[in-house]
Protein backbone atom coordinates (compact mmCIF):
# COMPACT_ATOMS: atom_id res chain seq x y z
CA MET A 1 -28.29 8.54 11.29
CA ALA A 2 -24.88 10.62 12.49
CA ASP A 3 -22.89 8.58 11.00
CA GLU A 4 -24.27 8.72 7.79
CA THR A 5 -23.97 12.60 8.89
CA ASN A 6 -20.84 13.30 10.14
CA ALA A 7 -19.26 9.96 6.90
CA ASN A 8 -20.36 13.23 4.90
CA GLU A 9 -19.19 15.97 5.75
CA ASN A 10 -15.87 13.56 6.55
CA GLU A 11 -16.01 12.94 2.87
CA GLN A 12 -16.77 17.18 1.62
CA GLN A 13 -13.41 17.56 3.54
CA ASN A 14 -10.64 15.06 2.22
CA PRO A 15 -12.04 13.62 -1.08
CA TYR A 16 -10.20 10.55 -0.45
CA VAL A 17 -12.20 8.98 3.01
CA GLY A 18 -13.86 6.72 1.07
CA LEU A 19 -10.62 5.40 -1.09
CA LEU A 20 -9.42 4.22 2.83
CA PRO A 21 -10.67 1.19 2.80
CA ALA A 22 -9.32 -0.48 -0.71
CA LEU A 23 -5.86 1.35 0.51
CA ARG A 24 -6.15 -0.41 3.70
CA TRP A 25 -6.98 -3.29 2.64
CA ASN A 26 -3.90 -3.55 0.21
CA LEU A 27 -1.44 -2.72 2.72
CA ARG A 28 -2.56 -5.34 5.06
CA GLU A 29 -2.91 -3.00 7.98
CA ASN A 30 -5.48 -4.90 9.90
CA ALA A 31 -2.80 -7.59 9.64
CA CYS A 32 -0.89 -5.45 11.75
CA VAL A 33 -3.28 -5.26 14.35
CA GLY A 34 -2.06 -6.62 17.72
CA CYS A 35 0.97 -8.02 15.27
CA GLU A 36 2.75 -10.12 17.42
CA TYR A 37 5.65 -10.68 14.63
CA GLY A 38 8.69 -8.03 15.46
CA GLY A 39 8.76 -7.74 11.49
CA CYS A 40 5.35 -5.98 11.31
CA GLY A 41 5.72 -3.21 9.40
CA GLY A 42 3.50 -1.39 11.16
CA ALA A 43 0.40 0.35 10.42
CA PHE A 44 -0.15 3.65 9.27
CA SER A 45 -2.41 6.84 11.07
CA GLU A 46 -5.14 7.72 8.66
CA GLU A 47 -3.79 11.54 7.96
CA GLN A 48 -0.57 9.11 6.33
CA LEU A 49 -3.26 7.24 4.87
CA LEU A 50 -4.87 10.50 3.08
CA THR A 51 -1.46 11.70 2.11
CA LEU A 52 -0.28 9.24 0.37
CA LEU A 53 -3.76 9.46 -1.91
CA ALA A 54 -3.47 13.27 -2.39
CA LYS A 55 -0.22 12.47 -3.03
CA HIS A 56 -1.20 10.34 -5.85
CA GLY A 57 -4.12 12.26 -7.09
CA GLY A 58 -6.53 9.62 -5.40
CA ASN A 59 -4.93 6.13 -7.37
CA VAL A 60 -5.00 3.45 -5.00
CA ARG A 61 -2.33 1.13 -6.96
CA ALA A 62 0.27 3.91 -6.76
CA ALA A 63 -0.02 4.83 -3.17
CA SER A 64 0.21 1.28 -1.82
CA TYR A 65 3.11 0.16 -4.33
CA GLU A 66 4.63 3.59 -2.53
CA GLY A 67 3.16 2.17 1.46
CA LEU A 68 4.75 -0.99 0.82
CA LEU A 69 7.76 -0.32 0.09
CA ILE A 70 7.65 2.25 3.11
CA LYS A 71 6.87 -1.11 4.68
CA ALA A 72 10.18 -2.85 3.44
CA GLU A 73 11.85 -1.07 5.29
CA ASN A 74 15.10 -3.28 6.86
CA ASP A 75 13.62 -3.68 10.55
CA ALA A 76 15.74 -6.65 11.33
CA VAL A 77 16.62 -6.69 14.88
CA ARG A 78 19.62 -8.10 16.32
CA LEU A 79 21.01 -8.01 20.07
CA PRO A 80 24.70 -8.49 21.65
CA ASP A 81 23.65 -13.07 22.53
CA GLY A 82 23.25 -13.29 18.59
CA ILE A 83 19.59 -13.77 18.89
CA THR A 84 18.12 -11.96 15.76
CA LEU A 85 15.13 -11.37 14.57
CA PRO A 86 14.40 -11.31 10.93
CA ASP A 87 13.10 -8.69 9.61
CA ARG A 88 10.10 -9.49 6.59
CA ARG A 89 10.91 -7.15 3.66
CA ASP A 90 10.86 -9.63 0.96
CA TYR A 91 7.12 -9.85 1.92
CA TRP A 92 6.85 -6.47 1.71
CA LEU A 93 8.68 -5.89 -1.73
CA GLY A 94 6.33 -9.28 -3.34
CA LEU A 95 2.66 -7.52 -1.79
CA ALA A 96 4.41 -3.97 -3.44
CA GLY A 97 5.28 -5.97 -6.94
CA LEU A 98 1.70 -6.31 -7.09
CA TYR A 99 1.08 -3.03 -7.40
CA ARG A 100 4.52 -1.35 -9.13
CA PRO A 101 3.27 0.17 -12.08
CA SER A 102 3.37 -1.33 -15.29
CA VAL A 103 7.40 0.12 -17.17
CA ALA A 104 5.46 -0.49 -20.33
CA HIS A 105 3.60 2.27 -19.87
CA ASN A 106 0.27 -0.26 -21.62
CA LEU A 107 1.69 -1.14 -24.61
CA PRO A 108 -0.27 -3.54 -26.83
CA ARG A 109 1.60 -6.49 -26.77
CA ALA A 110 3.65 -7.47 -30.39
CA ASP A 111 1.76 -10.85 -30.94
CA GLU A 112 -1.90 -8.76 -30.35
CA SER A 113 -0.62 -5.71 -32.87
CA ALA A 114 -2.59 -5.12 -35.66
CA SER A 115 0.74 -3.83 -37.99
CA PHE A 116 1.63 -8.09 -37.22
CA ILE A 117 -1.56 -9.31 -38.61
CA ARG A 118 -1.08 -9.85 -41.98
């Protein structure tokens, strides 16, 4: 019962708290906990996730896109002895492509438009 009360209080303080699980999933946050890879991309704090959601008005797709672009920063490591740890930039950019906004702004397809059907 106390957990439910705390959840309701958090929801009243920040309306985006309920969207955190979806955003964490899209950003693959659970995959980064205890990550053994050097180029994981790190994990965002709860405050950072809420800031992303607030910036995008609660739009999880837009917040996911920006968060994945942030994770795509080049984090490759090159050591003096020639050893390199690759980055995972391409992985994060590929995921970001799933949430990229449409440049067509949801225009109907030409072959489905009523003006082309006779």
